[in-house]
Amino acid sequence: MKYVPFVLALGLNISGCDAAKELGAQVAKSPDRAPTTLVFKPGYKMLVGDQPAPVFGSQECPPGDEGMRALMGPDPDEGKPICVVIAPDTKTVSATVGFPKGPSVETWTVERSGDRAMLRRADGSYLAAAK
């Protein structure tokens, strides 16, 4: 399973090959693919309401990918309780939002639709990544 991304990238580089596209779709829908845990690093900017703001969590930052750790060394945030972590079974998550007027702690509802996860604020608005 650890070679799947390499095989997928190799397959998609074959130009004009519908079989490669089908292979990519099959891998994406593979039932043995583990559910994704989303992690927002401290200071990640999100659109909260209509303004970009950094967000900070209170969950422990997980260790980085083995390949990245080998190349870059350990993540300095690893193990610190400053990440927003959304596991596959998470229903709500708390985060501190760094608004210009000062920080505010919010609880967001996690809504899922297939492989997508959306974060909804108490006022009903949705969060998005800031550009």
N, C-alpha and C. Protein backbone atom coordinates (compact mmCIF):
# COMPACT_ATOMS: atom_id res chain seq x y z
N MET A 1 0.81 -1.20 0.00
CA MET A 1 0.00 0.00 0.00
C MET A 1 0.85 1.26 0.00
N LYS A 2 2.10 1.17 0.53
CA LYS A 2 2.92 2.37 0.60
C LYS A 2 3.42 2.81 -0.77
N TYR A 3 3.34 1.95 -1.78
CA TYR A 3 3.78 2.31 -3.13
C TYR A 3 2.65 2.84 -3.99
N VAL A 4 1.43 2.89 -3.46
CA VAL A 4 0.28 3.32 -4.25
C VAL A 4 0.46 4.73 -4.81
N PRO A 5 0.91 5.74 -4.02
CA PRO A 5 1.08 7.07 -4.61
C PRO A 5 2.08 7.09 -5.76
N PHE A 6 3.18 6.33 -5.63
CA PHE A 6 4.18 6.27 -6.70
C PHE A 6 3.58 5.64 -7.95
N VAL A 7 2.89 4.52 -7.79
CA VAL A 7 2.29 3.84 -8.93
C VAL A 7 1.23 4.73 -9.56
N LEU A 8 0.45 5.42 -8.73
CA LEU A 8 -0.58 6.31 -9.24
C LEU A 8 0.04 7.46 -10.04
N ALA A 9 1.10 8.07 -9.51
CA ALA A 9 1.78 9.17 -10.21
C ALA A 9 2.37 8.67 -11.53
N LEU A 10 2.98 7.50 -11.50
CA LEU A 10 3.56 6.93 -12.71
C LEU A 10 2.48 6.67 -13.74
N GLY A 11 1.37 6.12 -13.29
CA GLY A 11 0.28 5.81 -14.20
C GLY A 11 -0.35 7.05 -14.81
N LEU A 12 -0.47 8.11 -14.01
CA LEU A 12 -1.09 9.33 -14.52
C LEU A 12 -0.18 10.10 -15.46
N ASN A 13 1.12 9.82 -15.42
CA ASN A 13 2.04 10.48 -16.34
C ASN A 13 2.03 9.87 -17.73
N ILE A 14 1.38 8.75 -17.88
CA ILE A 14 1.25 8.14 -19.20
C ILE A 14 0.18 8.93 -19.94
N SER A 15 0.59 9.70 -20.94
CA SER A 15 -0.34 10.61 -21.61
C SER A 15 -1.36 9.84 -22.45
N GLY A 16 -2.58 10.34 -22.40
CA GLY A 16 -3.65 9.81 -23.24
C GLY A 16 -4.11 8.43 -22.88
N CYS A 17 -3.87 8.00 -21.67
CA CYS A 17 -4.23 6.63 -21.30
C CYS A 17 -5.42 6.64 -20.35
N ASP A 18 -6.58 6.21 -20.85
CA ASP A 18 -7.78 6.15 -20.02
C ASP A 18 -7.64 5.14 -18.89
N ALA A 19 -6.83 4.11 -19.11
CA ALA A 19 -6.63 3.11 -18.06
C ALA A 19 -5.99 3.73 -16.83
N ALA A 20 -5.09 4.68 -17.03
CA ALA A 20 -4.44 5.35 -15.90
C ALA A 20 -5.46 6.15 -15.11
N LYS A 21 -6.37 6.83 -15.80
CA LYS A 21 -7.41 7.60 -15.12
C LYS A 21 -8.33 6.67 -14.32
N GLU A 22 -8.67 5.53 -14.90
CA GLU A 22 -9.51 4.56 -14.21
C GLU A 22 -8.81 4.01 -12.98
N LEU A 23 -7.50 3.76 -13.11
CA LEU A 23 -6.72 3.28 -11.97
C LEU A 23 -6.74 4.30 -10.85
N GLY A 24 -6.57 5.58 -11.19
CA GLY A 24 -6.61 6.64 -10.19
C GLY A 24 -7.95 6.69 -9.49
N ALA A 25 -9.03 6.55 -10.24
CA ALA A 25 -10.37 6.56 -9.65
C ALA A 25 -10.58 5.36 -8.73
N GLN A 26 -10.06 4.20 -9.12
CA GLN A 26 -10.20 3.01 -8.29
C GLN A 26 -9.43 3.15 -6.99
N VAL A 27 -8.22 3.70 -7.06
CA VAL A 27 -7.43 3.89 -5.84
C VAL A 27 -8.12 4.87 -4.92
N ALA A 28 -8.68 5.95 -5.48
CA ALA A 28 -9.36 6.95 -4.67
C ALA A 28 -10.58 6.38 -3.97
N LYS A 29 -11.24 5.40 -4.59
CA LYS A 29 -12.44 4.81 -4.01
C LYS A 29 -12.15 3.50 -3.29
N SER A 30 -10.89 3.15 -3.16
CA SER A 30 -10.49 1.88 -2.56
C SER A 30 -11.05 1.73 -1.15
N PRO A 31 -11.72 0.62 -0.84
CA PRO A 31 -12.30 0.45 0.48
C PRO A 31 -11.25 0.26 1.57
N ASP A 32 -10.02 -0.12 1.23
CA ASP A 32 -9.01 -0.33 2.26
C ASP A 32 -8.24 0.96 2.57
N ARG A 33 -8.65 2.07 1.96
CA ARG A 33 -8.02 3.35 2.25
C ARG A 33 -8.52 3.85 3.60
N ALA A 34 -7.61 4.17 4.48
CA ALA A 34 -7.97 4.61 5.82
C ALA A 34 -8.63 5.99 5.76
N PRO A 35 -9.63 6.22 6.63
CA PRO A 35 -10.25 7.55 6.68
C PRO A 35 -9.19 8.60 7.02
N THR A 36 -9.38 9.78 6.49
CA THR A 36 -8.40 10.84 6.65
C THR A 36 -8.63 11.63 7.92
N THR A 37 -7.56 11.90 8.65
CA THR A 37 -7.59 12.82 9.78
C THR A 37 -7.04 14.14 9.29
N LEU A 38 -7.80 15.22 9.48
CA LEU A 38 -7.37 16.54 9.08
C LEU A 38 -6.64 17.21 10.23
N VAL A 39 -5.52 17.87 9.94
CA VAL A 39 -4.75 18.58 10.96
C VAL A 39 -4.47 19.98 10.45
N PHE A 40 -4.87 20.97 11.23
CA PHE A 40 -4.56 22.36 10.94
C PHE A 40 -3.46 22.79 11.90
N LYS A 41 -2.32 23.15 11.35
CA LYS A 41 -1.19 23.60 12.14
C LYS A 41 -1.52 24.94 12.79
N PRO A 42 -0.86 25.26 13.91
CA PRO A 42 -1.14 26.54 14.57
C PRO A 42 -0.82 27.72 13.65
N GLY A 43 -1.76 28.67 13.59
CA GLY A 43 -1.59 29.84 12.74
C GLY A 43 -2.13 29.69 11.33
N TYR A 44 -2.69 28.49 11.01
CA TYR A 44 -3.26 28.28 9.68
C TYR A 44 -4.36 29.32 9.46
N LYS A 45 -4.35 29.99 8.31
CA LYS A 45 -5.32 31.05 8.06
C LYS A 45 -6.57 30.49 7.39
N MET A 46 -7.71 30.84 7.99
CA MET A 46 -9.00 30.43 7.45
C MET A 46 -9.88 31.66 7.30
N LEU A 47 -10.84 31.57 6.38
CA LEU A 47 -11.84 32.62 6.26
C LEU A 47 -12.91 32.35 7.31
N VAL A 48 -12.95 33.19 8.30
CA VAL A 48 -13.92 33.07 9.38
C VAL A 48 -14.86 34.25 9.22
N GLY A 49 -16.11 33.95 8.85
CA GLY A 49 -16.99 35.02 8.42
C GLY A 49 -16.50 35.48 7.06
N ASP A 50 -16.13 36.73 6.95
CA ASP A 50 -15.60 37.22 5.66
C ASP A 50 -14.16 37.70 5.78
N GLN A 51 -13.51 37.35 6.89
CA GLN A 51 -12.14 37.84 7.07
C GLN A 51 -11.17 36.70 7.35
N PRO A 52 -9.95 36.79 6.79
CA PRO A 52 -8.94 35.77 7.08
C PRO A 52 -8.45 35.93 8.52
N ALA A 53 -8.28 34.81 9.21
CA ALA A 53 -7.81 34.84 10.58
C ALA A 53 -7.03 33.56 10.88
N PRO A 54 -5.97 33.66 11.68
CA PRO A 54 -5.23 32.45 12.07
C PRO A 54 -6.03 31.67 13.09
N VAL A 55 -5.93 30.35 13.03
CA VAL A 55 -6.62 29.50 13.99
C VAL A 55 -5.59 28.64 14.75
N PHE A 56 -5.93 28.36 15.99
CA PHE A 56 -5.07 27.57 16.87
C PHE A 56 -5.96 26.57 17.60
N GLY A 57 -5.47 25.37 17.76
CA GLY A 57 -6.25 24.34 18.43
C GLY A 57 -5.74 24.05 19.81
N SER A 58 -6.30 23.00 20.40
CA SER A 58 -5.88 22.57 21.73
C SER A 58 -5.54 21.08 21.75
N GLN A 59 -5.55 20.47 20.56
CA GLN A 59 -5.20 19.06 20.48
C GLN A 59 -3.71 18.91 20.18
N GLU A 60 -3.18 17.77 20.56
CA GLU A 60 -1.76 17.47 20.34
C GLU A 60 -1.47 17.32 18.86
N CYS A 61 -0.44 18.01 18.39
CA CYS A 61 -0.03 17.90 16.98
C CYS A 61 0.57 16.51 16.76
N PRO A 62 0.08 15.77 15.76
CA PRO A 62 0.60 14.42 15.52
C PRO A 62 1.99 14.47 14.88
N PRO A 63 2.70 13.35 14.94
CA PRO A 63 4.01 13.30 14.28
C PRO A 63 3.84 13.40 12.76
N GLY A 64 4.86 13.91 12.11
CA GLY A 64 4.82 14.06 10.66
C GLY A 64 5.00 12.72 9.95
N ASP A 65 4.80 12.76 8.66
CA ASP A 65 5.00 11.61 7.79
C ASP A 65 6.44 11.13 7.91
N GLU A 66 6.67 9.82 7.87
CA GLU A 66 8.02 9.26 8.01
C GLU A 66 8.98 9.82 6.96
N GLY A 67 8.52 9.95 5.73
CA GLY A 67 9.37 10.48 4.67
C GLY A 67 9.77 11.92 4.93
N MET A 68 8.83 12.73 5.37
CA MET A 68 9.13 14.13 5.66
C MET A 68 10.06 14.25 6.87
N ARG A 69 9.85 13.39 7.85
CA ARG A 69 10.73 13.42 9.03
C ARG A 69 12.15 13.07 8.64
N ALA A 70 12.30 12.12 7.70
CA ALA A 70 13.64 11.72 7.26
C ALA A 70 14.33 12.86 6.51
N LEU A 71 13.56 13.60 5.71
CA LEU A 71 14.12 14.70 4.92
C LEU A 71 14.32 15.98 5.74
N MET A 72 13.32 16.33 6.55
CA MET A 72 13.31 17.64 7.21
C MET A 72 13.57 17.58 8.71
N GLY A 73 13.57 16.39 9.28
CA GLY A 73 13.70 16.29 10.73
C GLY A 73 12.34 16.38 11.39
N PRO A 74 12.29 16.28 12.71
CA PRO A 74 11.00 16.32 13.39
C PRO A 74 10.36 17.70 13.30
N ASP A 75 9.05 17.71 13.30
CA ASP A 75 8.28 18.95 13.28
C ASP A 75 8.38 19.60 14.65
N PRO A 76 8.69 20.88 14.72
CA PRO A 76 8.83 21.53 16.03
C PRO A 76 7.51 21.58 16.82
N ASP A 77 6.37 21.45 16.14
CA ASP A 77 5.07 21.48 16.82
C ASP A 77 4.63 20.10 17.30
N GLU A 78 5.33 19.06 16.89
CA GLU A 78 4.95 17.69 17.21
C GLU A 78 4.79 17.50 18.73
N GLY A 79 3.64 16.98 19.12
CA GLY A 79 3.38 16.69 20.52
C GLY A 79 2.85 17.87 21.33
N LYS A 80 2.87 19.06 20.76
CA LYS A 80 2.37 20.24 21.48
C LYS A 80 0.86 20.36 21.31
N PRO A 81 0.15 20.79 22.33
CA PRO A 81 -1.33 20.90 22.24
C PRO A 81 -1.76 22.22 21.59
N ILE A 82 -1.43 22.40 20.31
CA ILE A 82 -1.72 23.66 19.61
C ILE A 82 -2.33 23.45 18.22
N CYS A 83 -2.66 22.22 17.86
CA CYS A 83 -3.23 21.93 16.54
C CYS A 83 -4.74 21.74 16.62
N VAL A 84 -5.40 21.96 15.50
CA VAL A 84 -6.81 21.59 15.34
C VAL A 84 -6.78 20.24 14.64
N VAL A 85 -7.26 19.19 15.31
CA VAL A 85 -7.22 17.84 14.77
C VAL A 85 -8.66 17.35 14.60
N ILE A 86 -8.99 16.92 13.37
CA ILE A 86 -10.33 16.42 13.08
C ILE A 86 -10.19 14.98 12.62
N ALA A 87 -10.45 14.06 13.55
CA ALA A 87 -10.39 12.63 13.26
C ALA A 87 -11.65 12.21 12.50
N PRO A 88 -11.65 11.02 11.91
CA PRO A 88 -12.83 10.58 11.16
C PRO A 88 -14.13 10.54 11.97
N ASP A 89 -14.02 10.39 13.29
CA ASP A 89 -15.23 10.32 14.11
C ASP A 89 -15.52 11.61 14.88
N THR A 90 -14.78 12.69 14.61
CA THR A 90 -14.97 13.96 15.30
C THR A 90 -16.29 14.59 14.88
N LYS A 91 -17.09 15.02 15.85
CA LYS A 91 -18.37 15.69 15.58
C LYS A 91 -18.26 17.20 15.77
N THR A 92 -17.51 17.64 16.78
CA THR A 92 -17.27 19.06 17.02
C THR A 92 -15.80 19.25 17.37
N VAL A 93 -15.31 20.45 17.14
CA VAL A 93 -13.91 20.78 17.44
C VAL A 93 -13.85 22.23 17.91
N SER A 94 -13.02 22.47 18.91
CA SER A 94 -12.83 23.83 19.42
C SER A 94 -11.54 24.41 18.85
N ALA A 95 -11.58 25.71 18.60
CA ALA A 95 -10.40 26.40 18.08
C ALA A 95 -10.41 27.83 18.57
N THR A 96 -9.23 28.38 18.72
CA THR A 96 -9.09 29.79 19.04
C THR A 96 -8.82 30.53 17.74
N VAL A 97 -9.64 31.53 17.46
CA VAL A 97 -9.53 32.30 16.23
C VAL A 97 -8.90 33.64 16.57
N GLY A 98 -7.85 34.00 15.85
CA GLY A 98 -7.15 35.26 16.10
C GLY A 98 -7.75 36.40 15.30
N PHE A 99 -8.89 36.92 15.79
CA PHE A 99 -9.51 38.07 15.15
C PHE A 99 -8.70 39.34 15.42
N PRO A 100 -8.80 40.35 14.56
CA PRO A 100 -8.08 41.61 14.79
C PRO A 100 -8.43 42.26 16.14
N LYS A 101 -9.66 42.09 16.60
CA LYS A 101 -10.08 42.69 17.88
C LYS A 101 -9.66 41.86 19.08
N GLY A 102 -9.12 40.68 18.83
CA GLY A 102 -8.67 39.80 19.90
C GLY A 102 -9.11 38.37 19.66
N PRO A 103 -8.48 37.42 20.35
CA PRO A 103 -8.81 36.00 20.14
C PRO A 103 -10.19 35.64 20.68
N SER A 104 -10.79 34.65 20.03
CA SER A 104 -12.10 34.15 20.43
C SER A 104 -12.10 32.63 20.29
N VAL A 105 -12.59 31.94 21.32
CA VAL A 105 -12.70 30.48 21.26
C VAL A 105 -14.05 30.14 20.66
N GLU A 106 -14.02 29.30 19.62
CA GLU A 106 -15.24 28.87 18.94
C GLU A 106 -15.30 27.36 18.92
N THR A 107 -16.52 26.83 18.88
CA THR A 107 -16.74 25.41 18.69
C THR A 107 -17.41 25.24 17.34
N TRP A 108 -16.78 24.43 16.49
CA TRP A 108 -17.27 24.21 15.14
C TRP A 108 -17.86 22.81 15.03
N THR A 109 -18.90 22.68 14.23
CA THR A 109 -19.51 21.39 13.94
C THR A 109 -18.87 20.84 12.68
N VAL A 110 -18.52 19.56 12.73
CA VAL A 110 -17.93 18.89 11.56
C VAL A 110 -19.06 18.20 10.80
N GLU A 111 -19.26 18.60 9.55
CA GLU A 111 -20.28 17.99 8.69
C GLU A 111 -19.56 17.23 7.59
N ARG A 112 -20.03 16.02 7.33
CA ARG A 112 -19.37 15.18 6.33
C ARG A 112 -20.34 14.89 5.19
N SER A 113 -19.73 14.84 4.00
CA SER A 113 -20.47 14.47 2.80
C SER A 113 -19.51 13.64 1.96
N GLY A 114 -19.64 12.33 2.04
CA GLY A 114 -18.70 11.45 1.34
C GLY A 114 -17.33 11.60 1.96
N ASP A 115 -16.33 11.92 1.14
CA ASP A 115 -14.97 12.12 1.61
C ASP A 115 -14.71 13.55 2.08
N ARG A 116 -15.68 14.42 1.93
CA ARG A 116 -15.49 15.83 2.29
C ARG A 116 -15.88 16.07 3.74
N ALA A 117 -15.17 16.97 4.38
CA ALA A 117 -15.52 17.43 5.73
C ALA A 117 -15.63 18.94 5.67
N MET A 118 -16.71 19.48 6.21
CA MET A 118 -16.93 20.92 6.24
C MET A 118 -17.06 21.35 7.69
N LEU A 119 -16.57 22.54 8.00
CA LEU A 119 -16.65 23.07 9.35
C LEU A 119 -17.68 24.19 9.37
N ARG A 120 -18.65 24.06 10.31
CA ARG A 120 -19.72 25.05 10.41
C ARG A 120 -19.64 25.76 11.76
N ARG A 121 -19.69 27.07 11.72
CA ARG A 121 -19.66 27.88 12.94
C ARG A 121 -21.02 27.88 13.61
N ALA A 122 -21.08 28.39 14.83
CA ALA A 122 -22.34 28.44 15.58
C ALA A 122 -23.39 29.30 14.87
N ASP A 123 -22.95 30.32 14.11
CA ASP A 123 -23.90 31.18 13.40
C ASP A 123 -24.39 30.56 12.09
N GLY A 124 -23.92 29.35 11.77
CA GLY A 124 -24.35 28.65 10.57
C GLY A 124 -23.46 28.84 9.36
N SER A 125 -22.50 29.76 9.42
CA SER A 125 -21.61 29.98 8.28
C SER A 125 -20.52 28.90 8.26
N TYR A 126 -19.98 28.70 7.07
CA TYR A 126 -18.95 27.68 6.88
C TYR A 126 -17.58 28.33 6.81
N LEU A 127 -16.58 27.58 7.22
CA LEU A 127 -15.20 28.04 7.15
C LEU A 127 -14.58 27.61 5.84
N ALA A 128 -13.60 28.35 5.40
CA ALA A 128 -12.84 28.00 4.19
C ALA A 128 -11.40 28.40 4.40
N ALA A 129 -10.52 27.81 3.61
CA ALA A 129 -9.11 28.18 3.68
C ALA A 129 -8.96 29.59 3.11
N ALA A 130 -8.17 30.41 3.79
CA ALA A 130 -7.89 31.75 3.28
C ALA A 130 -6.83 31.64 2.20
N LYS A 131 -6.89 32.52 1.22
CA LYS A 131 -5.91 32.45 0.13
C LYS A 131 -4.74 33.33 0.41
